[in-house]
């Protein structure tokens, strides 16, 4: 692990514990069990969604991309602003915003899973009542 990840963890320690896990040549950063950032090539990328993405766009920041089958694929992780590394309070706000985006995504997946289970249960009930 590079010195960059412990630096980011220390920068965010006022917000709460941040753990790092190795993944696909990079590291995922986690808070309370949710991945809210990735570190790739000494660069921090924060989770973005429709709610906080405008903050990244307003600063001209770009999403993390990688090549797959001759095409660039963009992830929902956007470059962190360089200025956040000079101000722990700003860094913590950016991290919190990214974590909230991760939480919204997690909750949406849970709700979709529950709707799918309910729909499947309704189909099974309808089939058994016809028999």
N, C-alpha and C. Protein backbone atom coordinates (compact mmCIF):
# COMPACT_ATOMS: atom_id res chain seq x y z
N UNK A 1 0.85 -1.17 0.00
CA UNK A 1 0.00 0.00 0.00
C UNK A 1 0.90 1.24 0.00
N UNK A 2 0.55 2.18 -0.82
CA UNK A 2 1.35 3.41 -0.91
C UNK A 2 1.12 4.29 0.31
N UNK A 3 1.92 5.33 0.42
CA UNK A 3 1.74 6.30 1.51
C UNK A 3 0.49 7.16 1.31
N UNK A 4 -0.05 7.17 0.10
CA UNK A 4 -1.20 8.02 -0.19
C UNK A 4 -2.44 7.57 0.58
N UNK A 5 -2.68 6.27 0.65
CA UNK A 5 -3.88 5.79 1.33
C UNK A 5 -3.85 6.12 2.83
N UNK A 6 -2.76 5.85 3.55
CA UNK A 6 -2.74 6.28 4.95
C UNK A 6 -2.91 7.79 5.11
N UNK A 7 -2.39 8.56 4.16
CA UNK A 7 -2.57 10.02 4.19
C UNK A 7 -4.06 10.36 4.11
N UNK A 8 -4.78 9.72 3.18
CA UNK A 8 -6.22 9.98 3.03
C UNK A 8 -6.96 9.54 4.30
N UNK A 9 -6.60 8.38 4.84
CA UNK A 9 -7.24 7.91 6.06
C UNK A 9 -7.04 8.89 7.21
N UNK A 10 -5.83 9.41 7.33
CA UNK A 10 -5.55 10.39 8.39
C UNK A 10 -6.32 11.69 8.16
N UNK A 11 -6.41 12.10 6.91
CA UNK A 11 -7.14 13.31 6.55
C UNK A 11 -8.60 13.21 6.96
N UNK A 12 -9.15 12.00 6.88
CA UNK A 12 -10.58 11.79 7.14
C UNK A 12 -10.87 11.31 8.55
N UNK A 13 -9.86 11.16 9.39
CA UNK A 13 -10.09 10.55 10.70
C UNK A 13 -11.05 11.36 11.57
N UNK A 14 -11.19 12.65 11.37
CA UNK A 14 -12.17 13.44 12.11
C UNK A 14 -13.60 13.10 11.73
N UNK A 15 -13.79 12.52 10.57
CA UNK A 15 -15.12 12.11 10.09
C UNK A 15 -15.46 10.73 10.62
N UNK A 16 -14.47 9.86 10.69
CA UNK A 16 -14.69 8.51 11.18
C UNK A 16 -13.69 7.55 10.57
N UNK A 17 -13.72 6.30 11.02
CA UNK A 17 -12.75 5.33 10.51
C UNK A 17 -12.97 5.01 9.03
N UNK A 18 -11.86 4.94 8.31
CA UNK A 18 -11.88 4.59 6.88
C UNK A 18 -10.91 3.43 6.70
N UNK A 19 -11.42 2.34 6.14
CA UNK A 19 -10.56 1.18 5.87
C UNK A 19 -10.30 1.09 4.38
N UNK A 20 -9.22 0.41 4.03
CA UNK A 20 -8.85 0.23 2.62
C UNK A 20 -8.76 -1.25 2.31
N UNK A 21 -9.30 -1.63 1.17
CA UNK A 21 -9.21 -3.02 0.71
C UNK A 21 -8.70 -3.04 -0.72
N UNK A 22 -7.78 -3.93 -0.96
CA UNK A 22 -7.20 -4.08 -2.29
C UNK A 22 -8.25 -4.65 -3.24
N UNK A 23 -8.29 -4.10 -4.46
CA UNK A 23 -9.22 -4.60 -5.48
C UNK A 23 -8.74 -4.22 -6.87
N UNK A 24 -8.58 -5.19 -7.71
CA UNK A 24 -8.26 -4.97 -9.13
C UNK A 24 -7.16 -3.95 -9.37
N UNK A 25 -6.07 -4.05 -8.68
CA UNK A 25 -4.95 -3.14 -8.89
C UNK A 25 -5.11 -1.78 -8.26
N UNK A 26 -6.18 -1.61 -7.50
CA UNK A 26 -6.40 -0.35 -6.80
C UNK A 26 -6.85 -0.67 -5.38
N UNK A 27 -7.38 0.30 -4.71
CA UNK A 27 -7.92 0.09 -3.36
C UNK A 27 -9.30 0.74 -3.28
N UNK A 28 -10.21 0.08 -2.59
CA UNK A 28 -11.49 0.67 -2.27
C UNK A 28 -11.40 1.23 -0.86
N UNK A 29 -11.99 2.39 -0.63
CA UNK A 29 -12.04 2.98 0.70
C UNK A 29 -13.46 2.82 1.24
N UNK A 30 -13.55 2.36 2.47
CA UNK A 30 -14.83 2.02 3.08
C UNK A 30 -15.04 2.79 4.38
N UNK A 31 -16.29 3.14 4.62
CA UNK A 31 -16.71 3.73 5.88
C UNK A 31 -18.04 3.07 6.24
N UNK A 32 -18.12 2.53 7.43
CA UNK A 32 -19.32 1.83 7.90
C UNK A 32 -19.79 0.78 6.89
N UNK A 33 -18.85 0.06 6.33
CA UNK A 33 -19.17 -1.05 5.44
C UNK A 33 -19.49 -0.70 4.00
N UNK A 34 -19.53 0.57 3.66
CA UNK A 34 -19.84 0.99 2.29
C UNK A 34 -18.62 1.59 1.61
N UNK A 35 -18.37 1.15 0.38
CA UNK A 35 -17.27 1.71 -0.39
C UNK A 35 -17.72 3.07 -0.94
N UNK A 36 -16.98 4.11 -0.56
CA UNK A 36 -17.33 5.46 -0.99
C UNK A 36 -16.26 6.08 -1.88
N UNK A 37 -15.12 5.40 -2.04
CA UNK A 37 -14.04 5.97 -2.85
C UNK A 37 -13.13 4.85 -3.34
N UNK A 38 -12.39 5.16 -4.39
CA UNK A 38 -11.34 4.27 -4.87
C UNK A 38 -10.06 5.09 -5.04
N UNK A 39 -8.95 4.40 -4.87
CA UNK A 39 -7.65 5.01 -5.09
C UNK A 39 -6.98 4.21 -6.19
N UNK A 40 -6.63 4.90 -7.27
CA UNK A 40 -5.98 4.27 -8.40
C UNK A 40 -4.84 5.16 -8.85
N UNK A 41 -3.65 4.61 -8.91
CA UNK A 41 -2.49 5.37 -9.36
C UNK A 41 -2.31 6.68 -8.58
N UNK A 42 -2.40 6.57 -7.25
CA UNK A 42 -2.19 7.72 -6.37
C UNK A 42 -3.21 8.84 -6.59
N UNK A 43 -4.38 8.48 -7.06
CA UNK A 43 -5.46 9.45 -7.32
C UNK A 43 -6.70 8.97 -6.60
N UNK A 44 -7.41 9.89 -5.95
CA UNK A 44 -8.63 9.57 -5.21
C UNK A 44 -9.84 9.88 -6.07
N UNK A 45 -10.75 8.93 -6.11
CA UNK A 45 -12.02 9.09 -6.82
C UNK A 45 -13.14 8.84 -5.82
N UNK A 46 -14.12 9.75 -5.80
CA UNK A 46 -15.22 9.68 -4.84
C UNK A 46 -16.52 9.27 -5.51
N UNK A 47 -17.34 8.53 -4.80
CA UNK A 47 -18.63 8.07 -5.32
C UNK A 47 -19.52 9.27 -5.64
N UNK A 48 -20.13 9.22 -6.80
CA UNK A 48 -21.04 10.28 -7.23
C UNK A 48 -22.33 9.67 -7.74
N UNK A 49 -23.41 10.41 -7.57
CA UNK A 49 -24.70 10.02 -8.10
C UNK A 49 -25.41 11.27 -8.58
N UNK A 50 -26.69 11.15 -8.92
CA UNK A 50 -27.41 12.31 -9.46
C UNK A 50 -27.51 13.46 -8.46
N UNK A 51 -27.39 13.17 -7.17
CA UNK A 51 -27.50 14.22 -6.16
C UNK A 51 -26.21 15.04 -6.04
N UNK A 52 -25.06 14.37 -5.93
CA UNK A 52 -23.82 15.13 -5.70
C UNK A 52 -22.95 15.30 -6.95
N UNK A 53 -23.29 14.67 -8.06
CA UNK A 53 -22.51 14.80 -9.28
C UNK A 53 -22.34 16.25 -9.74
N UNK A 54 -23.37 17.10 -9.60
CA UNK A 54 -23.19 18.50 -10.03
C UNK A 54 -22.03 19.21 -9.32
N UNK A 55 -21.72 18.81 -8.08
CA UNK A 55 -20.59 19.42 -7.38
C UNK A 55 -19.27 19.12 -8.10
N UNK A 56 -19.14 17.91 -8.61
CA UNK A 56 -17.94 17.51 -9.35
C UNK A 56 -17.89 18.22 -10.70
N UNK A 57 -19.04 18.23 -11.37
CA UNK A 57 -19.11 18.85 -12.69
C UNK A 57 -18.80 20.35 -12.62
N UNK A 58 -19.28 21.01 -11.57
CA UNK A 58 -19.06 22.46 -11.43
C UNK A 58 -17.57 22.80 -11.33
N UNK A 59 -16.78 21.84 -10.83
CA UNK A 59 -15.34 22.07 -10.70
C UNK A 59 -14.56 21.51 -11.90
N UNK A 60 -15.28 21.01 -12.90
CA UNK A 60 -14.62 20.46 -14.08
C UNK A 60 -13.93 19.13 -13.84
N UNK A 61 -14.36 18.42 -12.80
CA UNK A 61 -13.77 17.11 -12.49
C UNK A 61 -14.36 16.04 -13.39
N UNK A 62 -13.68 14.93 -13.51
CA UNK A 62 -14.11 13.89 -14.44
C UNK A 62 -14.23 12.53 -13.74
N UNK A 63 -15.03 11.63 -14.33
CA UNK A 63 -15.17 10.31 -13.72
C UNK A 63 -13.96 9.42 -14.01
N UNK A 64 -13.80 8.41 -13.17
CA UNK A 64 -12.78 7.39 -13.39
C UNK A 64 -13.22 6.56 -14.60
N UNK A 65 -12.32 6.36 -15.54
CA UNK A 65 -12.63 5.55 -16.72
C UNK A 65 -11.55 4.49 -16.90
N UNK A 66 -11.94 3.43 -17.58
CA UNK A 66 -10.99 2.39 -17.94
C UNK A 66 -11.41 1.82 -19.29
N UNK A 67 -10.45 1.24 -20.00
CA UNK A 67 -10.72 0.68 -21.32
C UNK A 67 -11.20 -0.76 -21.20
N UNK A 68 -12.26 -1.07 -21.93
CA UNK A 68 -12.78 -2.44 -21.97
C UNK A 68 -13.30 -2.70 -23.38
N UNK A 69 -12.72 -3.70 -24.01
CA UNK A 69 -13.11 -4.08 -25.37
C UNK A 69 -13.06 -2.90 -26.33
N UNK A 70 -12.01 -2.11 -26.21
CA UNK A 70 -11.81 -0.99 -27.13
C UNK A 70 -12.63 0.25 -26.83
N UNK A 71 -13.37 0.25 -25.73
CA UNK A 71 -14.19 1.41 -25.38
C UNK A 71 -13.83 1.87 -23.97
N UNK A 72 -13.99 3.16 -23.73
CA UNK A 72 -13.80 3.69 -22.38
C UNK A 72 -15.10 3.53 -21.60
N UNK A 73 -14.98 2.99 -20.40
CA UNK A 73 -16.12 2.80 -19.52
C UNK A 73 -15.93 3.73 -18.32
N UNK A 74 -16.96 4.51 -18.02
CA UNK A 74 -16.91 5.44 -16.89
C UNK A 74 -17.62 4.83 -15.69
N UNK A 75 -16.99 4.93 -14.54
CA UNK A 75 -17.60 4.47 -13.29
C UNK A 75 -18.26 5.66 -12.59
N UNK A 76 -19.01 5.38 -11.55
CA UNK A 76 -19.67 6.44 -10.80
C UNK A 76 -18.77 6.98 -9.69
N UNK A 77 -17.47 6.99 -9.95
CA UNK A 77 -16.48 7.56 -9.04
C UNK A 77 -15.78 8.68 -9.80
N UNK A 78 -15.78 9.86 -9.20
CA UNK A 78 -15.23 11.04 -9.86
C UNK A 78 -13.99 11.53 -9.13
N UNK A 79 -13.08 12.13 -9.89
CA UNK A 79 -11.84 12.65 -9.33
C UNK A 79 -12.14 13.62 -8.19
N UNK A 80 -11.42 13.45 -7.10
CA UNK A 80 -11.56 14.36 -5.95
C UNK A 80 -10.85 15.67 -6.28
N UNK A 81 -11.39 16.78 -5.80
CA UNK A 81 -10.70 18.06 -6.05
C UNK A 81 -9.40 18.14 -5.27
N UNK A 82 -8.36 18.62 -5.91
CA UNK A 82 -7.05 18.72 -5.27
C UNK A 82 -7.09 19.58 -4.00
N UNK A 83 -7.95 20.58 -3.98
CA UNK A 83 -8.03 21.50 -2.85
C UNK A 83 -8.43 20.80 -1.55
N UNK A 84 -9.14 19.67 -1.66
CA UNK A 84 -9.61 19.01 -0.44
C UNK A 84 -8.44 18.46 0.39
N UNK A 85 -7.31 18.23 -0.25
CA UNK A 85 -6.17 17.66 0.47
C UNK A 85 -5.45 18.68 1.35
N UNK A 86 -5.81 19.95 1.19
CA UNK A 86 -5.22 21.00 2.01
C UNK A 86 -6.11 21.41 3.18
N UNK A 87 -7.33 20.88 3.22
CA UNK A 87 -8.29 21.31 4.26
C UNK A 87 -9.07 20.10 4.77
N UNK A 88 -8.73 19.59 5.95
CA UNK A 88 -9.43 18.42 6.48
C UNK A 88 -10.95 18.59 6.55
N UNK A 89 -11.43 19.76 6.88
CA UNK A 89 -12.88 19.97 6.94
C UNK A 89 -13.52 19.79 5.57
N UNK A 90 -12.89 20.33 4.54
CA UNK A 90 -13.38 20.15 3.17
C UNK A 90 -13.30 18.68 2.76
N UNK A 91 -12.20 18.04 3.09
CA UNK A 91 -12.03 16.63 2.75
C UNK A 91 -13.12 15.79 3.38
N UNK A 92 -13.44 16.08 4.62
CA UNK A 92 -14.47 15.32 5.32
C UNK A 92 -15.84 15.56 4.70
N UNK A 93 -16.12 16.78 4.25
CA UNK A 93 -17.39 17.08 3.59
C UNK A 93 -17.51 16.31 2.26
N UNK A 94 -16.43 16.30 1.49
CA UNK A 94 -16.43 15.56 0.23
C UNK A 94 -16.61 14.06 0.49
N UNK A 95 -15.92 13.53 1.49
CA UNK A 95 -16.04 12.11 1.82
C UNK A 95 -17.45 11.77 2.27
N UNK A 96 -18.01 12.63 3.10
CA UNK A 96 -19.38 12.40 3.59
C UNK A 96 -20.37 12.41 2.42
N UNK A 97 -20.20 13.34 1.50
CA UNK A 97 -21.08 13.41 0.33
C UNK A 97 -20.96 12.13 -0.51
N UNK A 98 -19.73 11.64 -0.67
CA UNK A 98 -19.50 10.41 -1.44
C UNK A 98 -20.11 9.21 -0.71
N UNK A 99 -19.96 9.16 0.62
CA UNK A 99 -20.52 8.06 1.40
C UNK A 99 -22.05 8.09 1.32
N UNK A 100 -22.64 9.27 1.36
CA UNK A 100 -24.10 9.38 1.24
C UNK A 100 -24.57 8.90 -0.13
N UNK A 101 -23.79 9.17 -1.17
CA UNK A 101 -24.12 8.65 -2.51
C UNK A 101 -24.05 7.13 -2.51
N UNK A 102 -23.04 6.57 -1.86
CA UNK A 102 -22.93 5.11 -1.75
C UNK A 102 -24.11 4.54 -0.98
N UNK A 103 -24.52 5.22 0.08
CA UNK A 103 -25.65 4.76 0.87
C UNK A 103 -26.94 4.80 0.06
N UNK A 104 -27.16 5.88 -0.70
CA UNK A 104 -28.35 5.96 -1.55
C UNK A 104 -28.37 4.81 -2.55
N UNK A 105 -27.22 4.51 -3.14
CA UNK A 105 -27.13 3.41 -4.10
C UNK A 105 -27.41 2.07 -3.44
N UNK A 106 -26.87 1.88 -2.25
CA UNK A 106 -27.09 0.63 -1.51
C UNK A 106 -28.58 0.47 -1.18
N UNK A 107 -29.19 1.52 -0.68
CA UNK A 107 -30.61 1.45 -0.32
C UNK A 107 -31.48 1.20 -1.54
N UNK A 108 -31.14 1.79 -2.67
CA UNK A 108 -31.90 1.56 -3.91
C UNK A 108 -31.82 0.10 -4.32
N UNK A 109 -30.64 -0.51 -4.19
CA UNK A 109 -30.48 -1.93 -4.53
C UNK A 109 -31.29 -2.81 -3.59
N UNK A 110 -31.28 -2.49 -2.30
CA UNK A 110 -32.05 -3.26 -1.33
C UNK A 110 -33.54 -3.17 -1.65
N UNK A 111 -34.01 -1.97 -1.95
CA UNK A 111 -35.43 -1.78 -2.27
C UNK A 111 -35.80 -2.53 -3.55
N UNK A 112 -34.94 -2.49 -4.55
CA UNK A 112 -35.21 -3.21 -5.80
C UNK A 112 -35.27 -4.71 -5.55
N UNK A 113 -34.36 -5.22 -4.72
CA UNK A 113 -34.35 -6.64 -4.38
C UNK A 113 -35.64 -7.03 -3.67
N UNK A 114 -36.09 -6.19 -2.74
CA UNK A 114 -37.33 -6.47 -2.01
C UNK A 114 -38.54 -6.44 -2.94
N UNK A 115 -38.57 -5.50 -3.87
CA UNK A 115 -39.68 -5.44 -4.84
C UNK A 115 -39.68 -6.69 -5.71
N UNK A 116 -38.50 -7.14 -6.14
CA UNK A 116 -38.41 -8.34 -6.97
C UNK A 116 -38.89 -9.56 -6.20
N UNK A 117 -38.51 -9.66 -4.92
CA UNK A 117 -38.96 -10.79 -4.09
C UNK A 117 -40.48 -10.76 -3.93
N UNK A 118 -41.03 -9.58 -3.69
CA UNK A 118 -42.48 -9.45 -3.52
C UNK A 118 -43.21 -9.82 -4.80
N UNK A 119 -42.67 -9.41 -5.93
CA UNK A 119 -43.29 -9.72 -7.22
C UNK A 119 -43.26 -11.23 -7.47
N UNK A 120 -42.14 -11.85 -7.16
CA UNK A 120 -42.03 -13.30 -7.31
C UNK A 120 -43.00 -14.01 -6.38
N UNK A 121 -43.13 -13.55 -5.16
CA UNK A 121 -44.06 -14.16 -4.20
C UNK A 121 -45.49 -13.99 -4.69
N UNK A 122 -45.83 -12.85 -5.26
CA UNK A 122 -47.17 -12.62 -5.79
C UNK A 122 -47.48 -13.59 -6.94
N UNK A 123 -46.48 -13.82 -7.81
CA UNK A 123 -46.67 -14.76 -8.92
C UNK A 123 -46.90 -16.17 -8.40
N UNK A 124 -46.14 -16.57 -7.39
CA UNK A 124 -46.30 -17.91 -6.82
C UNK A 124 -47.66 -18.05 -6.17
N UNK A 125 -48.12 -17.03 -5.49
CA UNK A 125 -49.43 -17.05 -4.85
C UNK A 125 -50.53 -17.14 -5.89
N UNK A 126 -50.38 -16.39 -6.99
CA UNK A 126 -51.39 -16.41 -8.06
C UNK A 126 -51.44 -17.78 -8.72
N UNK A 127 -50.29 -18.40 -8.92
CA UNK A 127 -50.25 -19.74 -9.53
C UNK A 127 -50.89 -20.77 -8.63
N UNK A 128 -50.61 -20.71 -7.35
CA UNK A 128 -51.15 -21.71 -6.42
C UNK A 128 -52.64 -21.55 -6.22
N UNK A 129 -53.16 -20.31 -6.35
CA UNK A 129 -54.60 -20.12 -6.19
C UNK A 129 -55.37 -20.58 -7.41
N UNK A 130 -54.70 -20.63 -8.58
CA UNK A 130 -55.34 -21.12 -9.80
C UNK A 130 -55.41 -22.63 -9.82
N UNK A 131 -54.54 -23.28 -9.09
CA UNK A 131 -54.47 -24.74 -9.12
C UNK A 131 -55.57 -25.41 -8.33
